[in-house]
């Protein structure tokens, strides 16, 4: 099974006949697998890549045709008029000649190398299509989780705005009771105005990325559960991941086939100096005069004018001597193209190694961030309560409470950012290693909450209950 068929075998988990029904269902609520299926159907870049792959694979039968026999058949119909002055004579006749030619290459080194180059190009095109399919998986996941990130940011901004609004009201009440100064009221007002501006900024259209990807309009989305396992990569070894990426990365493997194709093309150009040998056969049948056999003993007396058949078979040797410098120029060009493809492969290898290491480190950092930010939420929540009590006792002021509130919701935002960074970096690591597939989206879909409400679920359940 080829790379493309393996990916699409997993991608098309549900029959294509269900796609219209799924599109209708997802018009109100987006789900990860539904978005991916719609992206597969509507993504113009992937469709163009499929057509490019189908076109490039045709280079193989075209190259193979140069090693197979060619057979041509045809006929010629003529009307001939003969006229003589002394003694006067005029004669007309109609002739028809039928012919067939067969050519079988016997020694064509250049065409063998051309076939091998075409096969390498087809393999390169297949891997590049597989890389485009993996890229669409990652693009879908990024669009989906960036949408969730934006919704959680908006929810946190709303909650922060509401909390600061309460602090503003409390500061005003304390001022009315003579328990605080106008400074506390102004500080609370400034904090609330800033939170209000941040909330309006976060209210920008958050479903645009999904709509562009799928050509669907969404009003809600299934969110990721806070119980999603945040685990170290398996194996937990950067060198192992780098080794896997060097062996399996689709783009890197495609560049290797590009080098092979360039090598075979270079050999093909050099074979332009080699002789060629073909077996040729021909057969013709037609009027006697059409073959140049004029038999009349006297112009006025007809000789034999029946049909004549002629057949021949032989071996044709062609030795190239000089072609105006064309062959030498083509050899120089193919040599440079080979060096170019080798450099591009090395550059791609370095890029893959660097990205794999970075994604591996990023995942470990994301895991630490998720744990640390979740603990920060708990600490910030306790700090808010402590500052509120201290303000009531006179040991803290409103500014301290406002700072604690801002720190709490900043911790919430950083926590959610770390969660989504972990998911996306994990998928990027798998893509770098060449193992990313629609099954990874299915694994994530198991932790999607169909009743997700960002205003409620942007916090972990325990923290939400405590707040």
Protein backbone atom coordinates (compact mmCIF):
# COMPACT_ATOMS: atom_id res chain seq x y z
CA UNK A 1 0.00 0.00 0.00
CA UNK A 2 1.42 3.37 -1.00
CA UNK A 3 1.91 6.35 1.30
CA UNK A 4 -1.07 8.17 -0.23
CA UNK A 5 -3.42 5.21 0.04
CA UNK A 6 -2.39 4.56 3.65
CA UNK A 7 -3.16 8.13 4.65
CA UNK A 8 -6.49 8.23 2.87
CA UNK A 9 -7.48 4.80 4.16
CA UNK A 10 -7.37 6.27 7.65
CA UNK A 11 -8.67 9.66 6.59
CA UNK A 12 -11.88 8.36 5.08
CA UNK A 13 -13.09 6.70 8.26
CA UNK A 14 -16.67 7.41 7.27
CA UNK A 15 -18.14 6.93 3.79
CA UNK A 16 -18.00 9.95 1.53
CA UNK A 17 -21.78 9.73 1.13
CA UNK A 18 -22.08 10.93 4.72
CA UNK A 19 -20.11 14.12 4.11
CA UNK A 20 -23.14 16.26 3.12
CA UNK A 21 -24.96 15.15 6.28
CA UNK A 22 -21.87 15.87 8.40
CA UNK A 23 -21.48 19.29 6.78
CA UNK A 24 -25.08 20.12 7.65
CA UNK A 25 -24.60 18.93 11.22
CA UNK A 26 -21.38 20.95 11.61
CA UNK A 27 -23.06 24.16 10.43
CA UNK A 28 -23.87 24.91 14.09
CA UNK A 29 -21.17 23.08 16.06
CA UNK A 30 -17.68 22.25 14.83
CA UNK A 31 -15.97 18.98 15.73
CA UNK A 32 -12.38 18.07 14.94
CA UNK A 33 -12.99 15.08 12.64
CA UNK A 34 -15.84 16.82 10.85
CA UNK A 35 -13.66 19.85 10.19
CA UNK A 36 -10.91 17.59 8.85
CA UNK A 37 -13.25 15.75 6.50
CA UNK A 38 -14.55 19.03 5.17
CA UNK A 39 -10.98 20.29 4.75
CA UNK A 40 -10.02 17.18 2.76
CA UNK A 41 -12.97 17.76 0.47
CA UNK A 42 -12.58 21.51 -0.02
CA UNK A 43 -8.88 22.30 0.34
CA UNK A 44 -7.75 23.67 -3.03
CA UNK A 45 -4.04 23.15 -2.37
CA UNK A 46 -4.50 19.47 -1.61
CA UNK A 47 -6.66 19.03 -4.69
CA UNK A 48 -4.00 20.70 -6.81
CA UNK A 49 -1.36 18.41 -5.26
CA UNK A 50 -3.41 15.34 -6.19
CA UNK A 51 -3.69 16.48 -9.79
CA UNK A 52 0.05 17.23 -9.86
CA UNK A 53 0.77 13.72 -8.57
CA UNK A 54 -1.49 12.09 -11.16
CA UNK A 55 0.16 14.12 -13.92
CA UNK A 56 3.74 13.42 -12.80
CA UNK A 57 3.21 9.68 -12.49
CA UNK A 58 2.38 9.59 -16.21
CA UNK A 59 6.07 10.21 -16.90
CA UNK A 60 6.69 6.51 -16.21
CA UNK A 61 4.58 5.03 -19.06
CA UNK A 62 5.81 7.83 -21.31
CA UNK A 63 9.43 6.90 -20.62
CA UNK A 64 8.68 3.18 -20.93
CA UNK A 65 7.17 3.79 -24.35
CA UNK A 66 10.64 4.72 -25.62
CA UNK A 67 11.76 1.11 -25.04
CA UNK A 68 8.74 -0.56 -26.62
CA UNK A 69 8.14 -1.15 -30.34
CA UNK A 70 6.36 1.44 -32.45
CA UNK A 71 4.08 0.43 -35.31
CA UNK A 72 2.77 2.79 -37.98
CA UNK A 73 0.40 2.08 -40.85
CA UNK A 74 -0.89 4.28 -43.66
CA UNK A 75 -1.79 4.54 -47.30
CA UNK A 76 -1.18 6.86 -50.24
CA UNK A 77 -3.65 7.50 -53.08
CA UNK A 78 -2.43 9.22 -56.26
CA UNK A 79 -3.92 10.29 -59.56
CA UNK A 80 -1.21 10.26 -62.33
CA UNK A 81 -1.53 11.73 -65.85
CA UNK A 82 1.10 10.96 -68.55
CA UNK A 83 1.23 12.92 -71.83
CA UNK A 84 3.59 12.60 -74.83
CA UNK A 85 3.86 14.91 -77.82
CA UNK A 86 5.49 12.69 -80.54
CA UNK A 87 3.78 10.46 -81.23
CA UNK A 88 0.86 11.87 -79.30
CA UNK A 89 -0.30 9.83 -76.34
CA UNK A 90 -2.15 10.64 -73.11
CA UNK A 91 -2.71 8.19 -70.27
CA UNK A 92 -4.14 8.55 -66.75
CA UNK A 93 -4.14 6.14 -63.85
CA UNK A 94 -5.06 6.03 -60.16
CA UNK A 95 -2.77 4.25 -57.71
CA UNK A 96 -3.01 3.28 -54.05
CA UNK A 97 -0.14 2.17 -51.82
CA UNK A 98 -0.59 0.59 -48.38
CA UNK A 99 2.38 0.50 -46.00
CA UNK A 100 3.32 -0.46 -42.42
CA UNK A 101 6.54 0.21 -40.45
CA UNK A 102 7.79 -1.43 -37.25
CA UNK A 103 10.63 -0.10 -35.11
CA UNK A 104 12.01 -1.91 -32.05
CA UNK A 105 14.82 -0.26 -30.02
CA UNK A 106 17.59 -2.75 -29.28
CA UNK A 107 20.26 -0.60 -27.65
CA UNK A 108 19.02 2.68 -26.19
CA UNK A 109 20.95 3.39 -22.98
CA UNK A 110 19.58 6.91 -22.68
CA UNK A 111 16.00 5.67 -22.63
CA UNK A 112 16.72 3.17 -19.84
CA UNK A 113 18.09 5.97 -17.69
CA UNK A 114 15.11 8.13 -18.64
CA UNK A 115 12.76 5.39 -17.38
CA UNK A 116 14.63 5.09 -14.08
CA UNK A 117 14.52 8.88 -13.65
CA UNK A 118 10.77 8.87 -14.34
CA UNK A 119 10.20 6.15 -11.73
CA UNK A 120 12.15 8.17 -9.15
CA UNK A 121 10.14 11.27 -10.05
CA UNK A 122 6.87 9.38 -9.58
CA UNK A 123 8.02 8.18 -6.15
CA UNK A 124 9.02 11.74 -5.27
CA UNK A 125 5.58 13.02 -6.33
CA UNK A 126 3.85 10.37 -4.21
CA UNK A 127 5.83 11.33 -1.11
CA UNK A 128 5.25 15.04 -1.72
CA UNK A 129 1.52 14.37 -1.92
CA UNK A 130 1.74 12.45 1.36
CA UNK A 131 3.56 15.42 2.90
CA UNK A 132 0.77 17.73 1.69
CA UNK A 133 -1.79 15.42 3.30
CA UNK A 134 0.11 15.50 6.57
CA UNK A 135 0.34 19.26 6.25
CA UNK A 136 -3.44 19.46 5.94
CA UNK A 137 -3.84 17.38 9.11
CA UNK A 138 -1.60 19.82 10.98
CA UNK A 139 -3.28 22.85 9.41
CA UNK A 140 -6.68 21.55 10.46
CA UNK A 141 -5.53 20.91 14.02
CA UNK A 142 -3.89 24.34 14.25
CA UNK A 143 -7.00 26.11 12.97
CA UNK A 144 -9.22 24.13 15.35
CA UNK A 145 -7.17 24.59 18.51
CA UNK A 146 -6.28 28.19 17.72
CA UNK A 147 -10.04 28.79 17.56
CA UNK A 148 -10.40 27.17 20.98
CA UNK A 149 -7.49 29.25 22.24
CA UNK A 150 -9.24 32.43 21.06
CA UNK A 151 -12.53 31.37 22.67
CA UNK A 152 -10.83 30.60 25.98
CA UNK A 153 -9.01 33.93 25.82
CA UNK A 154 -12.34 35.66 25.26
CA UNK A 155 -13.93 33.75 28.14
CA UNK A 156 -11.05 34.65 30.48
CA UNK A 157 -11.32 38.30 29.40
CA UNK A 158 -15.04 38.29 30.17
CA UNK A 159 -14.49 36.73 33.59
CA UNK A 160 -11.71 39.18 34.37
CA UNK A 161 -13.88 42.09 33.29
CA UNK A 162 -16.74 40.87 35.51
CA UNK A 163 -14.42 40.40 38.49
CA UNK A 164 -12.93 43.87 38.11
CA UNK A 165 -16.38 45.31 37.69
CA UNK A 166 -17.26 43.86 41.08
CA UNK A 167 -14.08 45.33 42.55
CA UNK A 168 -15.03 48.70 41.10
CA UNK A 169 -18.47 48.50 42.70
CA UNK A 170 -16.95 47.45 46.03
CA UNK A 171 -14.43 50.34 45.89
CA UNK A 172 -17.23 52.79 45.23
CA UNK A 173 -19.25 51.35 48.11
CA UNK A 174 -16.25 51.59 50.44
CA UNK A 175 -15.72 55.19 49.35
CA UNK A 176 -19.36 55.98 50.09
CA UNK A 177 -18.93 54.44 53.55
CA UNK A 178 -15.71 56.33 54.15
CA UNK A 179 -13.63 53.14 54.24
CA UNK A 180 -11.43 53.99 51.24
CA UNK A 181 -10.17 56.91 49.19
CA UNK A 182 -10.97 58.11 45.70
CA UNK A 183 -7.65 56.63 44.58
CA UNK A 184 -9.00 53.11 45.09
CA UNK A 185 -12.04 53.94 42.98
CA UNK A 186 -9.90 55.36 40.19
CA UNK A 187 -7.56 52.36 40.27
CA UNK A 188 -10.52 50.01 40.07
CA UNK A 189 -12.04 52.02 37.20
CA UNK A 190 -8.76 51.98 35.27
CA UNK A 191 -8.37 48.22 35.75
CA UNK A 192 -11.94 47.64 34.61
CA UNK A 193 -11.55 49.85 31.53
CA UNK A 194 -8.41 47.97 30.54
CA UNK A 195 -10.18 44.62 30.97
CA UNK A 196 -13.11 45.91 28.93
CA UNK A 197 -10.77 46.89 26.08
CA UNK A 198 -9.07 43.49 26.19
CA UNK A 199 -12.44 41.75 26.04
CA UNK A 200 -13.47 43.76 22.97
CA UNK A 201 -10.16 42.92 21.33
CA UNK A 202 -10.71 39.22 22.00
CA UNK A 203 -14.19 39.37 20.47
CA UNK A 204 -12.84 39.45 16.96
CA UNK A 205 -14.20 36.75 14.66
CA UNK A 206 -12.71 33.54 16.00
CA UNK A 207 -14.19 31.09 13.47
CA UNK A 208 -12.65 32.67 10.36
CA UNK A 209 -9.80 30.15 10.11
CA UNK A 210 -12.20 27.19 10.23
CA UNK A 211 -14.57 28.80 7.75
CA UNK A 212 -11.76 29.42 5.27
CA UNK A 213 -10.60 25.83 5.61
CA UNK A 214 -13.98 24.17 5.22
CA UNK A 215 -16.26 26.79 3.61
CA UNK A 216 -18.67 26.22 6.50
CA UNK A 217 -20.07 28.65 9.07
CA UNK A 218 -19.81 27.66 12.72
CA UNK A 219 -21.60 29.04 15.74
CA UNK A 220 -20.00 26.79 18.39
CA UNK A 221 -17.28 24.21 18.76
CA UNK A 222 -16.44 21.08 20.73
CA UNK A 223 -13.72 21.91 23.25
CA UNK A 224 -10.88 19.83 24.61
CA UNK A 225 -11.30 18.38 28.08
CA UNK A 226 -8.94 19.47 30.83
CA UNK A 227 -8.44 15.76 31.54
CA UNK A 228 -6.46 15.35 28.31
CA UNK A 229 -3.28 13.43 29.28
CA UNK A 230 -0.19 15.59 29.09
CA UNK A 231 2.55 13.00 28.58
CA UNK A 232 6.18 12.92 27.57
CA UNK A 233 6.97 11.82 23.98
CA UNK A 234 7.48 8.11 23.49
CA UNK A 235 10.35 7.34 23.26
CA UNK A 236 11.52 10.11 25.58
CA UNK A 237 14.80 10.54 23.72
CA UNK A 238 15.61 13.37 21.31
CA UNK A 239 18.15 11.28 19.38
CA UNK A 240 15.58 8.55 18.76
CA UNK A 241 13.12 11.08 17.36
CA UNK A 242 15.81 12.66 15.19
CA UNK A 243 16.80 9.25 13.84
CA UNK A 244 13.18 8.43 13.08
CA UNK A 245 12.69 11.77 11.34
CA UNK A 246 15.77 11.32 9.15
CA UNK A 247 14.46 7.91 8.06
CA UNK A 248 10.73 8.63 7.74
CA UNK A 249 10.13 12.34 7.12
CA UNK A 250 8.16 12.44 3.90
CA UNK A 251 9.60 15.68 2.59
CA UNK A 252 13.16 14.45 3.24
CA UNK A 253 12.45 11.12 1.54
CA UNK A 254 10.99 13.01 -1.42
CA UNK A 255 14.19 15.06 -1.71
CA UNK A 256 16.18 11.80 -1.76
CA UNK A 257 14.15 10.59 -4.73
CA UNK A 258 14.76 13.97 -6.36
CA UNK A 259 18.49 13.26 -6.11
CA UNK A 260 18.01 9.81 -7.65
CA UNK A 261 16.01 11.32 -10.50
CA UNK A 262 18.73 13.91 -11.09
CA UNK A 263 21.41 11.19 -11.12
CA UNK A 264 19.52 9.16 -13.72
CA UNK A 265 18.88 12.26 -15.81
CA UNK A 266 22.59 13.04 -15.71
CA UNK A 267 23.34 9.51 -16.96
CA UNK A 268 20.72 9.90 -19.65
CA UNK A 269 22.39 13.08 -20.90
CA UNK A 270 25.82 11.43 -20.93
CA UNK A 271 24.36 8.51 -22.87
CA UNK A 272 23.75 10.98 -25.69
CA UNK A 273 27.31 10.16 -26.81
CA UNK A 274 26.50 6.43 -27.12
CA UNK A 275 25.43 4.75 -30.39
CA UNK A 276 21.90 3.45 -30.84
CA UNK A 277 20.71 0.24 -32.45
CA UNK A 278 17.15 -0.36 -33.66
CA UNK A 279 15.46 -3.24 -35.46
CA UNK A 280 13.34 -1.94 -38.32
CA UNK A 281 10.82 -3.68 -40.53
CA UNK A 282 8.55 -2.36 -43.28
CA UNK A 283 5.94 -3.68 -45.72
CA UNK A 284 4.34 -2.00 -48.72
CA UNK A 285 1.80 -3.03 -51.31
CA UNK A 286 0.54 -1.06 -54.27
CA UNK A 287 0.55 -0.40 -58.00
CA UNK A 288 3.62 -1.51 -59.94
CA UNK A 289 4.48 2.00 -61.13
CA UNK A 290 4.21 3.35 -57.60
CA UNK A 291 7.33 1.37 -56.71
CA UNK A 292 9.26 2.73 -59.67
CA UNK A 293 9.06 -0.43 -61.75
CA UNK A 294 8.02 0.86 -65.21
CA UNK A 295 7.73 -2.27 -67.36
CA UNK A 296 6.29 -1.25 -70.70
CA UNK A 297 8.65 -2.07 -73.62
CA UNK A 298 7.05 0.69 -75.60
CA UNK A 299 5.35 3.78 -74.26
CA UNK A 300 2.28 2.96 -76.23
CA UNK A 301 2.15 -0.68 -75.11
CA UNK A 302 1.33 -1.51 -71.51
CA UNK A 303 3.49 -3.84 -69.58
CA UNK A 304 2.67 -5.44 -66.23
CA UNK A 305 0.49 -3.13 -64.13
CA UNK A 306 -0.71 -5.35 -61.31
CA UNK A 307 -0.10 -4.98 -57.56
CA UNK A 308 3.36 -5.42 -56.06
CA UNK A 309 4.25 -6.24 -52.43
CA UNK A 310 7.57 -5.28 -50.86
CA UNK A 311 8.88 -6.17 -47.40
CA UNK A 312 12.15 -5.49 -45.61
CA UNK A 313 13.74 -6.13 -42.22
CA UNK A 314 17.03 -4.93 -40.89
CA UNK A 315 19.12 -3.43 -38.11
CA UNK A 316 19.84 0.28 -38.01
CA UNK A 317 22.97 1.64 -36.32
CA UNK A 318 23.27 5.33 -35.52
CA UNK A 319 26.50 6.85 -34.18
CA UNK A 320 26.23 10.47 -32.98
CA UNK A 321 29.19 12.53 -34.13
CA UNK A 322 28.29 16.17 -33.73
CA UNK A 323 25.07 17.92 -32.66
CA UNK A 324 26.19 21.52 -32.46
CA UNK A 325 27.29 21.17 -28.80
CA UNK A 326 23.78 20.24 -27.63
CA UNK A 327 24.78 17.02 -25.86
CA UNK A 328 27.72 18.59 -24.04
CA UNK A 329 25.54 21.49 -22.86
CA UNK A 330 22.84 19.10 -21.62
CA UNK A 331 25.46 17.14 -19.66
CA UNK A 332 26.69 20.33 -17.98
CA UNK A 333 23.14 21.35 -17.15
CA UNK A 334 22.21 17.97 -15.65
CA UNK A 335 25.42 17.94 -13.61
CA UNK A 336 24.50 21.27 -12.05
CA UNK A 337 20.91 20.09 -11.44
CA UNK A 338 22.29 17.05 -9.65
CA UNK A 339 24.47 19.21 -7.40
CA UNK A 340 21.47 21.47 -6.74
CA UNK A 341 19.25 18.54 -5.68
CA UNK A 342 21.98 17.20 -3.37
CA UNK A 343 22.34 20.59 -1.69
CA UNK A 344 18.58 20.89 -1.30
CA UNK A 345 18.42 17.44 0.27
CA UNK A 346 21.15 18.35 2.76
CA UNK A 347 19.40 21.60 3.61
CA UNK A 348 16.14 19.75 4.13
CA UNK A 349 17.88 17.16 6.33
CA UNK A 350 19.34 19.88 8.55
CA UNK A 351 15.96 21.57 8.77
CA UNK A 352 14.23 18.33 9.74
CA UNK A 353 16.85 17.55 12.40
CA UNK A 354 16.60 21.07 13.86
CA UNK A 355 12.78 21.10 13.85
CA UNK A 356 12.57 17.66 15.42
CA UNK A 357 14.85 18.65 18.28
CA UNK A 358 13.00 21.92 18.81
CA UNK A 359 9.58 20.27 18.84
CA UNK A 360 10.81 17.61 21.25
CA UNK A 361 12.14 20.27 23.63
CA UNK A 362 8.99 22.35 23.19
CA UNK A 363 6.79 19.43 24.25
CA UNK A 364 8.82 18.91 27.42
CA UNK A 365 8.60 22.63 28.15
CA UNK A 366 4.84 22.63 27.43
CA UNK A 367 4.30 19.80 29.92
CA UNK A 368 6.16 21.71 32.60
CA UNK A 369 4.19 24.84 31.75
CA UNK A 370 0.82 23.10 31.99
CA UNK A 371 1.65 21.76 35.44
CA UNK A 372 3.19 25.02 36.65
CA UNK A 373 0.41 27.24 35.29
CA UNK A 374 -2.26 25.08 36.84
CA UNK A 375 -0.54 25.41 40.19
CA UNK A 376 -0.25 29.15 39.54
CA UNK A 377 -4.03 29.34 39.16
CA UNK A 378 -4.47 27.78 42.58
CA UNK A 379 -1.88 30.11 44.14
CA UNK A 380 -3.38 33.18 42.45
CA UNK A 381 -6.87 32.22 43.58
CA UNK A 382 -5.62 31.95 47.15
CA UNK A 383 -3.82 35.29 46.74
CA UNK A 384 -7.03 37.00 45.64
CA UNK A 385 -8.88 35.75 48.70
CA UNK A 386 -6.02 36.69 51.00
CA UNK A 387 -5.83 40.22 49.57
CA UNK A 388 -9.58 40.66 49.87
CA UNK A 389 -9.43 39.65 53.52
CA UNK A 390 -6.42 41.91 54.05
CA UNK A 391 -8.25 44.83 52.48
CA UNK A 392 -11.18 44.26 54.80
CA UNK A 393 -8.77 44.23 57.74
CA UNK A 394 -6.90 47.28 56.49
CA UNK A 395 -3.55 45.58 55.77
CA UNK A 396 -4.11 45.62 51.99
CA UNK A 397 -5.65 48.14 49.64
CA UNK A 398 -7.75 47.92 46.48
CA UNK A 399 -4.68 48.09 44.24
CA UNK A 400 -3.38 44.88 45.83
CA UNK A 401 -6.69 43.14 45.16
CA UNK A 402 -6.75 44.36 41.56
CA UNK A 403 -3.22 43.11 40.94
CA UNK A 404 -4.12 39.73 42.40
CA UNK A 405 -7.20 39.52 40.14
CA UNK A 406 -5.14 40.35 37.06
CA UNK A 407 -2.50 37.80 38.01
CA UNK A 408 -5.18 35.15 38.42
CA UNK A 409 -6.62 35.58 34.94
CA UNK A 410 -3.19 35.98 33.41
CA UNK A 411 -2.35 32.59 34.90
CA UNK A 412 -5.55 31.16 33.41
CA UNK A 413 -4.63 32.44 29.95
CA UNK A 414 -1.09 31.08 30.21
CA UNK A 415 -2.44 27.72 31.36
CA UNK A 416 -4.72 27.41 28.34
CA UNK A 417 -1.96 28.59 26.02
CA UNK A 418 0.32 25.87 27.39
CA UNK A 419 -2.37 23.22 26.80
CA UNK A 420 -2.86 24.17 23.17
CA UNK A 421 0.86 24.59 22.60
CA UNK A 422 1.35 21.04 23.87
CA UNK A 423 -1.24 19.62 21.47
CA UNK A 424 0.09 21.47 18.42
CA UNK A 425 3.76 20.81 19.22
CA UNK A 426 3.00 17.10 19.63
CA UNK A 427 1.43 16.98 16.17
CA UNK A 428 4.37 18.93 14.72
CA UNK A 429 6.81 16.44 16.22
CA UNK A 430 4.90 13.56 14.64
CA UNK A 431 4.84 15.34 11.31
CA UNK A 432 8.60 15.89 11.48
CA UNK A 433 9.03 12.18 12.24
CA UNK A 434 6.77 11.26 9.30
CA UNK A 435 4.20 9.46 11.46
CA UNK A 436 1.38 12.02 11.55
CA UNK A 437 -1.95 10.57 10.38
CA UNK A 438 -5.70 11.17 10.75
CA UNK A 439 -5.61 8.62 13.60
CA UNK A 440 -3.90 11.27 15.72
CA UNK A 441 -6.92 13.51 15.25
CA UNK A 442 -9.17 10.62 16.21
CA UNK A 443 -7.18 10.18 19.44
CA UNK A 444 -7.65 13.87 20.26
CA UNK A 445 -11.35 13.71 19.38
CA UNK A 446 -11.86 11.24 22.23
CA UNK A 447 -11.23 14.13 24.67
CA UNK A 448 -13.59 16.61 23.02
CA UNK A 449 -16.54 17.83 25.08
CA UNK A 450 -19.70 18.00 22.98
CA UNK A 451 -21.29 20.35 25.53
CA UNK A 452 -18.28 22.66 25.64
CA UNK A 453 -19.11 26.19 26.76
CA UNK A 454 -16.04 28.46 26.75
CA UNK A 455 -17.55 30.81 29.34
CA UNK A 456 -17.77 27.87 31.71
CA UNK A 457 -15.08 25.42 30.59
CA UNK A 458 -12.09 27.72 30.09
CA UNK A 459 -11.13 26.77 33.68
CA UNK A 460 -10.41 23.29 35.03
CA UNK A 461 -13.50 21.90 36.85
CA UNK A 462 -11.86 22.06 40.29
CA UNK A 463 -10.77 25.66 39.84
CA UNK A 464 -14.11 26.64 38.36
CA UNK A 465 -15.95 25.30 41.41
CA UNK A 466 -13.54 27.06 43.75
CA UNK A 467 -14.00 30.39 41.98
